[in-house]
Amino acid sequence: MGKSIQWDLERLRVFVTVVQQGSLTRTAVMLGLPQPAISRQISRLETECGGRLFHRTGRGVTLTQLGETLLPRIASLLHEAGELSAQLEGGSQLPGGEVRLGALPSLYMVLIVPLFFELREAFPAIRLQVFEGSAGQIDQWLANGFVDLGLPYRYAKSQSDADPLVQVSSYVIGVPGSELTSEPTVRFAALHEQSLVLPGAPSGVRLTLDQMARQAGITLNVALEADSTQIQKAVARLGGAYAVLPAHAAAEEVAAGQLQRSRIVDPEFNRTIVLGMTAARPASRATRQVARTIREVFSRNRDYWERSGGDVLSH
């Protein structure tokens, strides 16, 4: 009979923090501990788990196959422990505990910031943890249970695996005075052989644009592949290439006169921001409350989304 392992929750939290930070050094700074202490905790956990959890590289650490397998189970265990603590603290009837949310970087001001303040006011026992990532990353986090809720994009009307919140138009984004952004709208065919900065395949944006280009009989000249919205906007702002983004992703730069936009038409390229919930474990009261609050924030900001060429689908 194998020896029973007494799991140390703090050691498991160190493991998850290393995954988030991708570096033992950054984890040490984050937790206020010396790096050797972090290394000892990970080594002890690897001994308990019977194998290496991380590959050490010159840039930090990445998960091994064993680490990938154990991550959702460990995240779920920490989640349940947080739920139990929240339930016992003060006998509060309000939902409480940690809720992990995966969100697109472009939503930081229109959703994440107001969501934080609203939850802090109405549900102070809920501890929100936000992870920014691409749509593909968020889908992966939802699938393996790393996050409780996710806000990725969907591109096809038939995709109904998540709750649609708002449909947004796509725009060509360029430097002020640029040819493609000189009018309020631009035909998709005008992108033919123009220098573009786009996410790399197999992102949903890239696959959809490539399909549209084939149907329109045009060639997309991808001068730079970059998944980062910040990189795409920076290249567009310096006149290196055009980006293809929803209005809210470049709203600040357009308002400041740093970028100019033109909505893509004939055909339009729409994407839908959806709210997904992990199926890796049952949703807690806190998770369900955060989901409700997210829908309310989107609904209250209906005017903003309509000004940005969007259509709020959440009620």
C-alpha atoms as a PDB file:
ATOM      1  CA  MET A   1       0.000   0.000   0.000  1.00  0.00           C
ATOM      2  CA  GLY A   2       1.428   3.397  -1.017  1.00  0.00           C
ATOM      3  CA  LYS A   3       2.293   6.084   1.477  1.00  0.00           C
ATOM      4  CA  SER A   4      -0.476   8.653   1.966  1.00  0.00           C
ATOM      5  CA  ILE A   5       0.517  12.191   0.972  1.00  0.00           C
ATOM      6  CA  GLN A   6      -0.465  15.057   3.248  1.00  0.00           C
ATOM      7  CA  TRP A   7      -0.961  17.874   0.747  1.00  0.00           C
ATOM      8  CA  ASP A   8       0.344  21.265   1.826  1.00  0.00           C
ATOM      9  CA  LEU A   9      -1.977  23.976   0.447  1.00  0.00           C
ATOM     10  CA  GLU A  10       0.719  26.651   0.626  1.00  0.00           C
ATOM     11  CA  ARG A  11       3.034  24.476  -1.446  1.00  0.00           C
ATOM     12  CA  LEU A  12       0.276  24.003  -3.987  1.00  0.00           C
ATOM     13  CA  ARG A  13      -0.276  27.774  -4.102  1.00  0.00           C
ATOM     14  CA  VAL A  14       3.430  28.244  -4.779  1.00  0.00           C
ATOM     15  CA  PHE A  15       3.121  25.788  -7.679  1.00  0.00           C
ATOM     16  CA  VAL A  16       0.175  27.680  -9.207  1.00  0.00           C
ATOM     17  CA  THR A  17       1.980  31.006  -8.752  1.00  0.00           C
ATOM     18  CA  VAL A  18       5.039  29.649 -10.587  1.00  0.00           C
ATOM     19  CA  VAL A  19       2.735  28.573 -13.429  1.00  0.00           C
ATOM     20  CA  GLN A  20       1.240  32.070 -13.564  1.00  0.00           C
ATOM     21  CA  GLN A  21       4.574  33.885 -13.406  1.00  0.00           C
ATOM     22  CA  GLY A  22       6.581  31.465 -15.559  1.00  0.00           C
ATOM     23  CA  SER A  23       9.626  32.100 -13.396  1.00  0.00           C
ATOM     24  CA  LEU A  24      10.917  31.121  -9.958  1.00  0.00           C
ATOM     25  CA  THR A  25      12.472  34.565  -9.583  1.00  0.00           C
ATOM     26  CA  ARG A  26       9.236  36.430 -10.314  1.00  0.00           C
ATOM     27  CA  THR A  27       7.365  34.060  -8.003  1.00  0.00           C
ATOM     28  CA  ALA A  28       9.790  34.835  -5.191  1.00  0.00           C
ATOM     29  CA  VAL A  29       9.224  38.567  -5.685  1.00  0.00           C
ATOM     30  CA  MET A  30       5.453  38.080  -5.873  1.00  0.00           C
ATOM     31  CA  LEU A  31       5.300  36.043  -2.657  1.00  0.00           C
ATOM     32  CA  GLY A  32       7.995  37.948  -0.786  1.00  0.00           C
ATOM     33  CA  LEU A  33      10.120  34.820  -0.284  1.00  0.00           C
ATOM     34  CA  PRO A  34      13.748  34.002  -1.143  1.00  0.00           C
ATOM     35  CA  GLN A  35      14.136  32.103  -4.394  1.00  0.00           C
ATOM     36  CA  PRO A  36      15.785  29.073  -2.707  1.00  0.00           C
ATOM     37  CA  ALA A  37      12.634  28.672  -0.623  1.00  0.00           C
ATOM     38  CA  ILE A  38      10.523  28.598  -3.786  1.00  0.00           C
ATOM     39  CA  SER A  39      12.868  26.029  -5.330  1.00  0.00           C
ATOM     40  CA  ARG A  40      12.647  23.838  -2.219  1.00  0.00           C
ATOM     41  CA  GLN A  41       8.854  23.950  -2.268  1.00  0.00           C
ATOM     42  CA  ILE A  42       8.727  22.927  -5.924  1.00  0.00           C
ATOM     43  CA  SER A  43      11.322  20.170  -5.408  1.00  0.00           C
ATOM     44  CA  ARG A  44       9.333  18.800  -2.471  1.00  0.00           C
ATOM     45  CA  LEU A  45       6.136  18.847  -4.507  1.00  0.00           C
ATOM     46  CA  GLU A  46       7.866  17.098  -7.417  1.00  0.00           C
ATOM     47  CA  THR A  47       9.004  14.386  -5.008  1.00  0.00           C
ATOM     48  CA  GLU A  48       5.449  13.976  -3.730  1.00  0.00           C
ATOM     49  CA  CYS A  49       4.082  13.840  -7.280  1.00  0.00           C
ATOM     50  CA  GLY A  50       6.713  11.405  -8.496  1.00  0.00           C
ATOM     51  CA  GLY A  51       8.155  13.432 -11.345  1.00  0.00           C
ATOM     52  CA  ARG A  52       9.269  16.761 -12.729  1.00  0.00           C
ATOM     53  CA  LEU A  53       6.563  19.413 -12.908  1.00  0.00           C
ATOM     54  CA  PHE A  54       8.573  22.056 -14.788  1.00  0.00           C
ATOM     55  CA  HIS A  55      11.102  22.262 -17.574  1.00  0.00           C
ATOM     56  CA  ARG A  56      13.833  24.759 -16.640  1.00  0.00           C
ATOM     57  CA  THR A  57      14.782  27.034 -19.562  1.00  0.00           C
ATOM     58  CA  GLY A  58      16.921  30.134 -19.987  1.00  0.00           C
ATOM     59  CA  ARG A  59      13.734  32.240 -19.957  1.00  0.00           C
ATOM     60  CA  GLY A  60      12.080  30.661 -16.928  1.00  0.00           C
ATOM     61  CA  VAL A  61      10.021  27.510 -16.527  1.00  0.00           C
ATOM     62  CA  THR A  62       7.310  25.711 -18.482  1.00  0.00           C
ATOM     63  CA  LEU A  63       5.064  22.858 -17.405  1.00  0.00           C
ATOM     64  CA  THR A  64       5.979  19.252 -18.152  1.00  0.00           C
ATOM     65  CA  GLN A  65       3.291  16.824 -19.252  1.00  0.00           C
ATOM     66  CA  LEU A  66       2.879  15.767 -15.614  1.00  0.00           C
ATOM     67  CA  GLY A  67       2.542  19.409 -14.596  1.00  0.00           C
ATOM     68  CA  GLU A  68      -0.075  20.015 -17.294  1.00  0.00           C
ATOM     69  CA  THR A  69      -2.026  16.994 -16.062  1.00  0.00           C
ATOM     70  CA  LEU A  70      -1.938  18.019 -12.401  1.00  0.00           C
ATOM     71  CA  LEU A  71      -2.564  21.760 -12.831  1.00  0.00           C
ATOM     72  CA  PRO A  72      -6.378  21.613 -13.156  1.00  0.00           C
ATOM     73  CA  ARG A  73      -6.654  19.205 -10.199  1.00  0.00           C
ATOM     74  CA  ILE A  74      -4.469  21.402  -8.009  1.00  0.00           C
ATOM     75  CA  ALA A  75      -6.327  24.557  -9.079  1.00  0.00           C
ATOM     76  CA  SER A  76      -9.618  22.819  -8.268  1.00  0.00           C
ATOM     77  CA  LEU A  77      -8.346  21.727  -4.843  1.00  0.00           C
ATOM     78  CA  LEU A  78      -7.254  25.274  -3.975  1.00  0.00           C
ATOM     79  CA  HIS A  79     -10.572  26.589  -5.236  1.00  0.00           C
ATOM     80  CA  GLU A  80     -12.517  24.214  -2.978  1.00  0.00           C
ATOM     81  CA  ALA A  81     -10.328  25.123   0.005  1.00  0.00           C
ATOM     82  CA  GLY A  82     -11.037  28.812  -0.624  1.00  0.00           C
ATOM     83  CA  GLU A  83     -14.757  28.102  -0.858  1.00  0.00           C
ATOM     84  CA  LEU A  84     -14.708  26.272   2.467  1.00  0.00           C
ATOM     85  CA  SER A  85     -12.803  29.105   4.155  1.00  0.00           C
ATOM     86  CA  ALA A  86     -15.212  31.699   2.783  1.00  0.00           C
ATOM     87  CA  GLN A  87     -18.208  29.709   3.986  1.00  0.00           C
ATOM     88  CA  LEU A  88     -16.833  29.411   7.510  1.00  0.00           C
ATOM     89  CA  GLU A  89     -15.660  33.014   7.868  1.00  0.00           C
ATOM     90  CA  GLY A  90     -18.251  34.876   9.905  1.00  0.00           C
ATOM     91  CA  GLY A  91     -21.147  32.711   8.764  1.00  0.00           C
ATOM     92  CA  SER A  92     -21.845  35.208   5.981  1.00  0.00           C
ATOM     93  CA  GLN A  93     -24.770  34.442   3.694  1.00  0.00           C
ATOM     94  CA  LEU A  94     -23.151  36.376   0.840  1.00  0.00           C
ATOM     95  CA  PRO A  95     -21.157  34.362  -1.706  1.00  0.00           C
ATOM     96  CA  GLY A  96     -17.439  34.377  -1.119  1.00  0.00           C
ATOM     97  CA  GLY A  97     -14.199  32.744  -2.178  1.00  0.00           C
ATOM     98  CA  GLU A  98     -11.779  32.993  -5.078  1.00  0.00           C
ATOM     99  CA  VAL A  99     -13.024  33.290  -8.652  1.00  0.00           C
ATOM    100  CA  ARG A 100     -10.508  32.987 -11.477  1.00  0.00           C
ATOM    101  CA  LEU A 101     -11.405  34.917 -14.629  1.00  0.00           C
ATOM    102  CA  GLY A 102      -9.677  34.688 -18.022  1.00  0.00           C
ATOM    103  CA  ALA A 103     -10.219  37.849 -20.061  1.00  0.00           C
ATOM    104  CA  LEU A 104      -9.133  39.472 -23.303  1.00  0.00           C
ATOM    105  CA  PRO A 105      -6.646  42.311 -22.630  1.00  0.00           C
ATOM    106  CA  SER A 106      -8.893  44.781 -24.470  1.00  0.00           C
ATOM    107  CA  LEU A 107     -11.583  44.400 -21.780  1.00  0.00           C
ATOM    108  CA  TYR A 108      -9.514  45.807 -18.941  1.00  0.00           C
ATOM    109  CA  MET A 109     -11.209  49.225 -18.809  1.00  0.00           C
ATOM    110  CA  VAL A 110     -14.712  48.497 -20.115  1.00  0.00           C
ATOM    111  CA  LEU A 111     -15.252  45.421 -17.935  1.00  0.00           C
ATOM    112  CA  ILE A 112     -12.517  44.354 -15.520  1.00  0.00           C
ATOM    113  CA  VAL A 113     -12.123  47.654 -13.663  1.00  0.00           C
ATOM    114  CA  PRO A 114     -15.880  48.292 -13.150  1.00  0.00           C
ATOM    115  CA  LEU A 115     -16.353  44.610 -12.267  1.00  0.00           C
ATOM    116  CA  PHE A 116     -13.741  44.853  -9.508  1.00  0.00           C
ATOM    117  CA  PHE A 117     -15.317  47.912  -7.920  1.00  0.00           C
ATOM    118  CA  GLU A 118     -18.831  46.499  -8.110  1.00  0.00           C
ATOM    119  CA  LEU A 119     -17.837  43.190  -6.544  1.00  0.00           C
ATOM    120  CA  ARG A 120     -15.846  44.908  -3.825  1.00  0.00           C
ATOM    121  CA  GLU A 121     -18.886  47.019  -2.914  1.00  0.00           C
ATOM    122  CA  ALA A 122     -21.600  44.353  -3.077  1.00  0.00           C
ATOM    123  CA  PHE A 123     -19.734  41.086  -2.459  1.00  0.00           C
ATOM    124  CA  PRO A 124     -16.556  41.846  -0.487  1.00  0.00           C
ATOM    125  CA  ALA A 125     -15.933  38.173   0.319  1.00  0.00           C
ATOM    126  CA  ILE A 126     -15.395  37.363  -3.370  1.00  0.00           C
ATOM    127  CA  ARG A 127     -11.714  37.487  -4.337  1.00  0.00           C
ATOM    128  CA  LEU A 128     -11.348  38.038  -8.069  1.00  0.00           C
ATOM    129  CA  GLN A 129      -8.208  36.816  -9.840  1.00  0.00           C
ATOM    130  CA  VAL A 130      -7.835  37.963 -13.454  1.00  0.00           C
ATOM    131  CA  PHE A 131      -5.647  36.376 -16.142  1.00  0.00           C
ATOM    132  CA  GLU A 132      -5.235  38.089 -19.513  1.00  0.00           C
ATOM    133  CA  GLY A 133      -4.848  35.971 -22.608  1.00  0.00           C
ATOM    134  CA  SER A 134      -5.835  35.419 -26.216  1.00  0.00           C
ATOM    135  CA  ALA A 135      -9.145  33.770 -27.081  1.00  0.00           C
ATOM    136  CA  GLY A 136      -7.363  30.471 -27.671  1.00  0.00           C
ATOM    137  CA  GLN A 137      -5.579  30.615 -24.322  1.00  0.00           C
ATOM    138  CA  ILE A 138      -8.811  31.404 -22.511  1.00  0.00           C
ATOM    139  CA  ASP A 139     -10.558  28.444 -24.154  1.00  0.00           C
ATOM    140  CA  GLN A 140      -7.709  26.192 -23.031  1.00  0.00           C
ATOM    141  CA  TRP A 141      -7.898  27.547 -19.468  1.00  0.00           C
ATOM    142  CA  LEU A 142     -11.639  26.865 -19.395  1.00  0.00           C
ATOM    143  CA  ALA A 143     -11.146  23.341 -20.729  1.00  0.00           C
ATOM    144  CA  ASN A 144      -8.543  22.331 -18.137  1.00  0.00           C
ATOM    145  CA  GLY A 145     -10.184  24.177 -15.234  1.00  0.00           C
ATOM    146  CA  PHE A 146      -7.417  26.715 -14.696  1.00  0.00           C
ATOM    147  CA  VAL A 147     -10.067  29.473 -14.678  1.00  0.00           C
ATOM    148  CA  ASP A 148     -13.675  29.404 -13.512  1.00  0.00           C
ATOM    149  CA  LEU A 149     -14.961  31.897 -16.075  1.00  0.00           C
ATOM    150  CA  GLY A 150     -13.632  33.066 -19.414  1.00  0.00           C
ATOM    151  CA  LEU A 151     -14.364  35.859 -21.877  1.00  0.00           C
ATOM    152  CA  PRO A 152     -13.043  34.794 -25.307  1.00  0.00           C
ATOM    153  CA  TYR A 153     -14.262  35.634 -28.805  1.00  0.00           C
ATOM    154  CA  ARG A 154     -16.440  33.539 -31.081  1.00  0.00           C
ATOM    155  CA  TYR A 155     -16.600  34.119 -34.826  1.00  0.00           C
ATOM    156  CA  ALA A 156     -19.280  31.777 -36.201  1.00  0.00           C
ATOM    157  CA  LYS A 157     -22.987  32.145 -35.487  1.00  0.00           C
ATOM    158  CA  SER A 158     -23.277  28.397 -34.979  1.00  0.00           C
ATOM    159  CA  GLN A 159     -20.872  28.389 -32.027  1.00  0.00           C
ATOM    160  CA  SER A 160     -23.161  28.274 -28.993  1.00  0.00           C
ATOM    161  CA  ASP A 161     -20.961  26.687 -26.335  1.00  0.00           C
ATOM    162  CA  ALA A 162     -20.971  29.865 -24.243  1.00  0.00           C
ATOM    163  CA  ASP A 163     -23.226  32.774 -23.326  1.00  0.00           C
ATOM    164  CA  PRO A 164     -23.011  35.573 -25.959  1.00  0.00           C
ATOM    165  CA  LEU A 165     -22.582  39.020 -24.418  1.00  0.00           C
ATOM    166  CA  VAL A 166     -21.878  41.507 -27.190  1.00  0.00           C
ATOM    167  CA  GLN A 167     -21.230  41.346 -30.930  1.00  0.00           C
ATOM    168  CA  VAL A 168     -18.619  43.811 -32.135  1.00  0.00           C
ATOM    169  CA  SER A 169     -17.622  45.006 -35.581  1.00  0.00           C
ATOM    170  CA  SER A 170     -14.038  44.878 -36.805  1.00  0.00           C
ATOM    171  CA  TYR A 171     -12.108  47.914 -38.005  1.00  0.00           C
ATOM    172  CA  VAL A 172      -8.998  48.585 -40.019  1.00  0.00           C
ATOM    173  CA  ILE A 173      -6.708  50.486 -37.665  1.00  0.00           C
ATOM    174  CA  GLY A 174      -3.985  52.733 -39.033  1.00  0.00           C
ATOM    175  CA  VAL A 175      -2.020  55.917 -38.530  1.00  0.00           C
ATOM    176  CA  PRO A 176      -4.080  59.144 -38.907  1.00  0.00           C
ATOM    177  CA  GLY A 177      -4.285  60.138 -42.561  1.00  0.00           C
ATOM    178  CA  SER A 178      -3.682  56.621 -43.839  1.00  0.00           C
ATOM    179  CA  GLU A 179      -5.420  55.551 -47.045  1.00  0.00           C
ATOM    180  CA  LEU A 180      -7.570  52.701 -45.740  1.00  0.00           C
ATOM    181  CA  THR A 181      -8.890  54.618 -42.734  1.00  0.00           C
ATOM    182  CA  SER A 182      -9.772  57.879 -44.458  1.00  0.00           C
ATOM    183  CA  GLU A 183     -13.509  57.061 -44.607  1.00  0.00           C
ATOM    184  CA  PRO A 184     -15.909  55.745 -41.908  1.00  0.00           C
ATOM    185  CA  THR A 185     -16.130  52.388 -43.706  1.00  0.00           C
ATOM    186  CA  VAL A 186     -13.828  50.388 -45.945  1.00  0.00           C
ATOM    187  CA  ARG A 187     -14.659  47.428 -48.187  1.00  0.00           C
ATOM    188  CA  PHE A 188     -12.945  44.200 -47.202  1.00  0.00           C
ATOM    189  CA  ALA A 189     -11.521  43.851 -50.727  1.00  0.00           C
ATOM    190  CA  ALA A 190      -9.481  47.037 -50.130  1.00  0.00           C
ATOM    191  CA  LEU A 191      -7.209  45.019 -47.818  1.00  0.00           C
ATOM    192  CA  HIS A 192      -5.769  43.280 -50.896  1.00  0.00           C
ATOM    193  CA  GLU A 193      -1.946  43.201 -50.623  1.00  0.00           C
ATOM    194  CA  GLN A 194      -1.917  45.915 -47.949  1.00  0.00           C
ATOM    195  CA  SER A 195       0.682  45.419 -45.198  1.00  0.00           C
ATOM    196  CA  LEU A 196      -1.090  43.941 -42.180  1.00  0.00           C
ATOM    197  CA  VAL A 197      -0.177  42.988 -38.624  1.00  0.00           C
ATOM    198  CA  LEU A 198      -2.359  40.064 -37.586  1.00  0.00           C
ATOM    199  CA  PRO A 199      -2.389  37.264 -35.012  1.00  0.00           C
ATOM    200  CA  GLY A 200      -0.701  34.092 -36.140  1.00  0.00           C
ATOM    201  CA  ALA A 201      -2.626  30.988 -37.198  1.00  0.00           C
ATOM    202  CA  PRO A 202      -4.480  29.104 -35.839  1.00  0.00           C
ATOM    203  CA  SER A 203      -6.145  32.008 -34.005  1.00  0.00           C
ATOM    204  CA  GLY A 204      -9.847  32.515 -34.730  1.00  0.00           C
ATOM    205  CA  VAL A 205      -9.195  36.012 -36.131  1.00  0.00           C
ATOM    206  CA  ARG A 206      -6.565  34.769 -38.556  1.00  0.00           C
ATOM    207  CA  LEU A 207      -8.546  31.738 -39.701  1.00  0.00           C
ATOM    208  CA  THR A 208     -11.659  33.848 -40.298  1.00  0.00           C
ATOM    209  CA  LEU A 209      -9.772  36.559 -42.198  1.00  0.00           C
ATOM    210  CA  ASP A 210      -7.965  33.972 -44.320  1.00  0.00           C
ATOM    211  CA  GLN A 211     -11.281  32.338 -45.195  1.00  0.00           C
ATOM    212  CA  MET A 212     -12.849  35.698 -46.065  1.00  0.00           C
ATOM    213  CA  ALA A 213      -9.861  36.541 -48.251  1.00  0.00           C
ATOM    214  CA  ARG A 214     -10.179  33.277 -50.186  1.00  0.00           C
ATOM    215  CA  GLN A 215     -13.900  33.897 -50.742  1.00  0.00           C
ATOM    216  CA  ALA A 216     -13.206  37.466 -51.894  1.00  0.00           C
ATOM    217  CA  GLY A 217     -10.318  36.395 -54.139  1.00  0.00           C
ATOM    218  CA  ILE A 218      -7.809  38.739 -52.478  1.00  0.00           C
ATOM    219  CA  THR A 219      -4.384  38.274 -50.918  1.00  0.00           C
ATOM    220  CA  LEU A 220      -3.618  39.292 -47.345  1.00  0.00           C
ATOM    221  CA  ASN A 221      -0.053  40.558 -47.015  1.00  0.00           C
ATOM    222  CA  VAL A 222       0.798  39.714 -43.409  1.00  0.00           C
ATOM    223  CA  ALA A 223       3.911  41.747 -42.722  1.00  0.00           C
ATOM    224  CA  LEU A 224       4.007  40.753 -39.046  1.00  0.00           C
ATOM    225  CA  GLU A 225       2.342  38.039 -36.993  1.00  0.00           C
ATOM    226  CA  ALA A 226       1.730  39.100 -33.395  1.00  0.00           C
ATOM    227  CA  ASP A 227      -0.897  37.839 -30.963  1.00  0.00           C
ATOM    228  CA  SER A 228      -0.403  40.845 -28.682  1.00  0.00           C
ATOM    229  CA  THR A 229      -2.924  43.639 -29.239  1.00  0.00           C
ATOM    230  CA  GLN A 230      -0.397  46.106 -27.860  1.00  0.00           C
ATOM    231  CA  ILE A 231       2.157  45.128 -30.506  1.00  0.00           C
ATOM    232  CA  GLN A 232      -0.456  45.348 -33.260  1.00  0.00           C
ATOM    233  CA  LYS A 233      -1.468  48.853 -32.176  1.00  0.00           C
ATOM    234  CA  ALA A 234       2.131  50.016 -31.802  1.00  0.00           C
ATOM    235  CA  VAL A 235       3.026  48.866 -35.330  1.00  0.00           C
ATOM    236  CA  ALA A 236      -0.109  50.529 -36.718  1.00  0.00           C
ATOM    237  CA  ARG A 237       0.588  53.746 -34.806  1.00  0.00           C
ATOM    238  CA  LEU A 238       4.062  53.958 -36.338  1.00  0.00           C
ATOM    239  CA  GLY A 239       2.719  53.360 -39.850  1.00  0.00           C
ATOM    240  CA  GLY A 240       4.325  49.949 -40.277  1.00  0.00           C
ATOM    241  CA  ALA A 241       1.147  48.033 -41.089  1.00  0.00           C
ATOM    242  CA  TYR A 242      -2.603  48.077 -40.610  1.00  0.00           C
ATOM    243  CA  ALA A 243      -4.215  46.169 -37.718  1.00  0.00           C
ATOM    244  CA  VAL A 244      -7.692  44.613 -37.725  1.00  0.00           C
ATOM    245  CA  LEU A 245      -9.311  45.120 -34.315  1.00  0.00           C
ATOM    246  CA  PRO A 246     -12.665  45.829 -32.674  1.00  0.00           C
ATOM    247  CA  ALA A 247     -13.246  49.482 -31.807  1.00  0.00           C
ATOM    248  CA  HIS A 248     -12.914  49.059 -28.033  1.00  0.00           C
ATOM    249  CA  ALA A 249      -9.421  47.572 -28.424  1.00  0.00           C
ATOM    250  CA  ALA A 250      -8.065  50.886 -29.741  1.00  0.00           C
ATOM    251  CA  ALA A 251     -10.584  53.357 -28.304  1.00  0.00           C
ATOM    252  CA  GLU A 252      -8.046  55.283 -26.208  1.00  0.00           C
ATOM    253  CA  GLU A 253      -5.568  55.692 -29.062  1.00  0.00           C
ATOM    254  CA  VAL A 254      -8.287  56.778 -31.513  1.00  0.00           C
ATOM    255  CA  ALA A 255      -9.640  59.312 -29.001  1.00  0.00           C
ATOM    256  CA  ALA A 256      -6.113  60.681 -28.491  1.00  0.00           C
ATOM    257  CA  GLY A 257      -5.570  61.083 -32.248  1.00  0.00           C
ATOM    258  CA  GLN A 258      -2.816  58.455 -32.343  1.00  0.00           C
ATOM    259  CA  LEU A 259      -4.761  56.015 -34.496  1.00  0.00           C
ATOM    260  CA  GLN A 260      -7.557  56.208 -37.046  1.00  0.00           C
ATOM    261  CA  ARG A 261     -10.159  53.533 -37.773  1.00  0.00           C
ATOM    262  CA  SER A 262     -12.560  52.487 -40.526  1.00  0.00           C
ATOM    263  CA  ARG A 263     -15.224  49.780 -40.123  1.00  0.00           C
ATOM    264  CA  ILE A 264     -14.882  46.792 -42.442  1.00  0.00           C
ATOM    265  CA  VAL A 265     -17.930  46.202 -44.658  1.00  0.00           C
ATOM    266  CA  ASP A 266     -18.962  44.174 -47.706  1.00  0.00           C
ATOM    267  CA  PRO A 267     -18.674  41.774 -46.001  1.00  0.00           C
ATOM    268  CA  GLU A 268     -18.534  42.749 -42.349  1.00  0.00           C
ATOM    269  CA  PHE A 269     -16.209  40.904 -39.999  1.00  0.00           C
ATOM    270  CA  ASN A 270     -18.002  40.527 -36.676  1.00  0.00           C
ATOM    271  CA  ARG A 271     -16.868  38.776 -33.541  1.00  0.00           C
ATOM    272  CA  THR A 272     -18.833  37.980 -30.385  1.00  0.00           C
ATOM    273  CA  ILE A 273     -17.513  38.282 -26.851  1.00  0.00           C
ATOM    274  CA  VAL A 274     -18.894  35.311 -24.916  1.00  0.00           C
ATOM    275  CA  LEU A 275     -18.959  34.237 -21.284  1.00  0.00           C
ATOM    276  CA  GLY A 276     -17.813  30.666 -20.742  1.00  0.00           C
ATOM    277  CA  MET A 277     -17.812  28.636 -17.534  1.00  0.00           C
ATOM    278  CA  THR A 278     -15.459  25.718 -16.938  1.00  0.00           C
ATOM    279  CA  ALA A 279     -16.968  22.239 -16.949  1.00  0.00           C
ATOM    280  CA  ALA A 280     -14.041  20.885 -14.939  1.00  0.00           C
ATOM    281  CA  ARG A 281     -15.932  21.404 -11.659  1.00  0.00           C
ATOM    282  CA  PRO A 282     -19.339  22.608 -10.459  1.00  0.00           C
ATOM    283  CA  ALA A 283     -19.705  26.389 -10.368  1.00  0.00           C
ATOM    284  CA  SER A 284     -19.582  27.880  -6.881  1.00  0.00           C
ATOM    285  CA  ARG A 285     -22.005  30.529  -5.627  1.00  0.00           C
ATOM    286  CA  ALA A 286     -19.248  33.095  -6.027  1.00  0.00           C
ATOM    287  CA  THR A 287     -18.587  32.029  -9.639  1.00  0.00           C
ATOM    288  CA  ARG A 288     -22.269  32.264 -10.491  1.00  0.00           C
ATOM    289  CA  GLN A 289     -22.473  35.710  -8.884  1.00  0.00           C
ATOM    290  CA  VAL A 290     -19.460  36.996 -10.814  1.00  0.00           C
ATOM    291  CA  ALA A 291     -21.058  35.690 -14.026  1.00  0.00           C
ATOM    292  CA  ARG A 292     -24.271  37.570 -13.227  1.00  0.00           C
ATOM    293  CA  THR A 293     -22.349  40.745 -12.459  1.00  0.00           C
ATOM    294  CA  ILE A 294     -20.404  40.489 -15.729  1.00  0.00           C
ATOM    295  CA  ARG A 295     -23.685  40.297 -17.666  1.00  0.00           C
ATOM    296  CA  GLU A 296     -25.017  43.316 -15.758  1.00  0.00           C
ATOM    297  CA  VAL A 297     -21.898  45.384 -16.507  1.00  0.00           C
ATOM    298  CA  PHE A 298     -22.191  44.634 -20.220  1.00  0.00           C
ATOM    299  CA  SER A 299     -25.895  45.465 -20.212  1.00  0.00           C
ATOM    300  CA  ARG A 300     -25.380  48.784 -18.387  1.00  0.00           C
ATOM    301  CA  ASN A 301     -22.683  49.772 -20.898  1.00  0.00           C
ATOM    302  CA  ARG A 302     -25.016  49.247 -23.859  1.00  0.00           C
ATOM    303  CA  ASP A 303     -24.555  52.839 -25.085  1.00  0.00           C
ATOM    304  CA  TYR A 304     -20.767  52.473 -25.112  1.00  0.00           C
ATOM    305  CA  TRP A 305     -20.892  49.287 -27.169  1.00  0.00           C
ATOM    306  CA  GLU A 306     -23.371  50.744 -29.623  1.00  0.00           C
ATOM    307  CA  ARG A 307     -21.106  53.782 -30.159  1.00  0.00           C
ATOM    308  CA  SER A 308     -18.279  51.293 -30.813  1.00  0.00           C
ATOM    309  CA  GLY A 309     -20.227  49.484 -33.503  1.00  0.00           C
ATOM    310  CA  GLY A 310     -21.377  46.735 -31.147  1.00  0.00           C
ATOM    311  CA  ASP A 311     -24.651  45.056 -30.296  1.00  0.00           C
ATOM    312  CA  VAL A 312     -25.179  43.962 -26.683  1.00  0.00           C
ATOM    313  CA  LEU A 313     -26.724  40.481 -26.562  1.00  0.00           C
ATOM    314  CA  SER A 314     -26.781  40.080 -22.765  1.00  0.00           C
ATOM    315  CA  HIS A 315     -29.914  41.129 -20.852  1.00  0.00           C
END
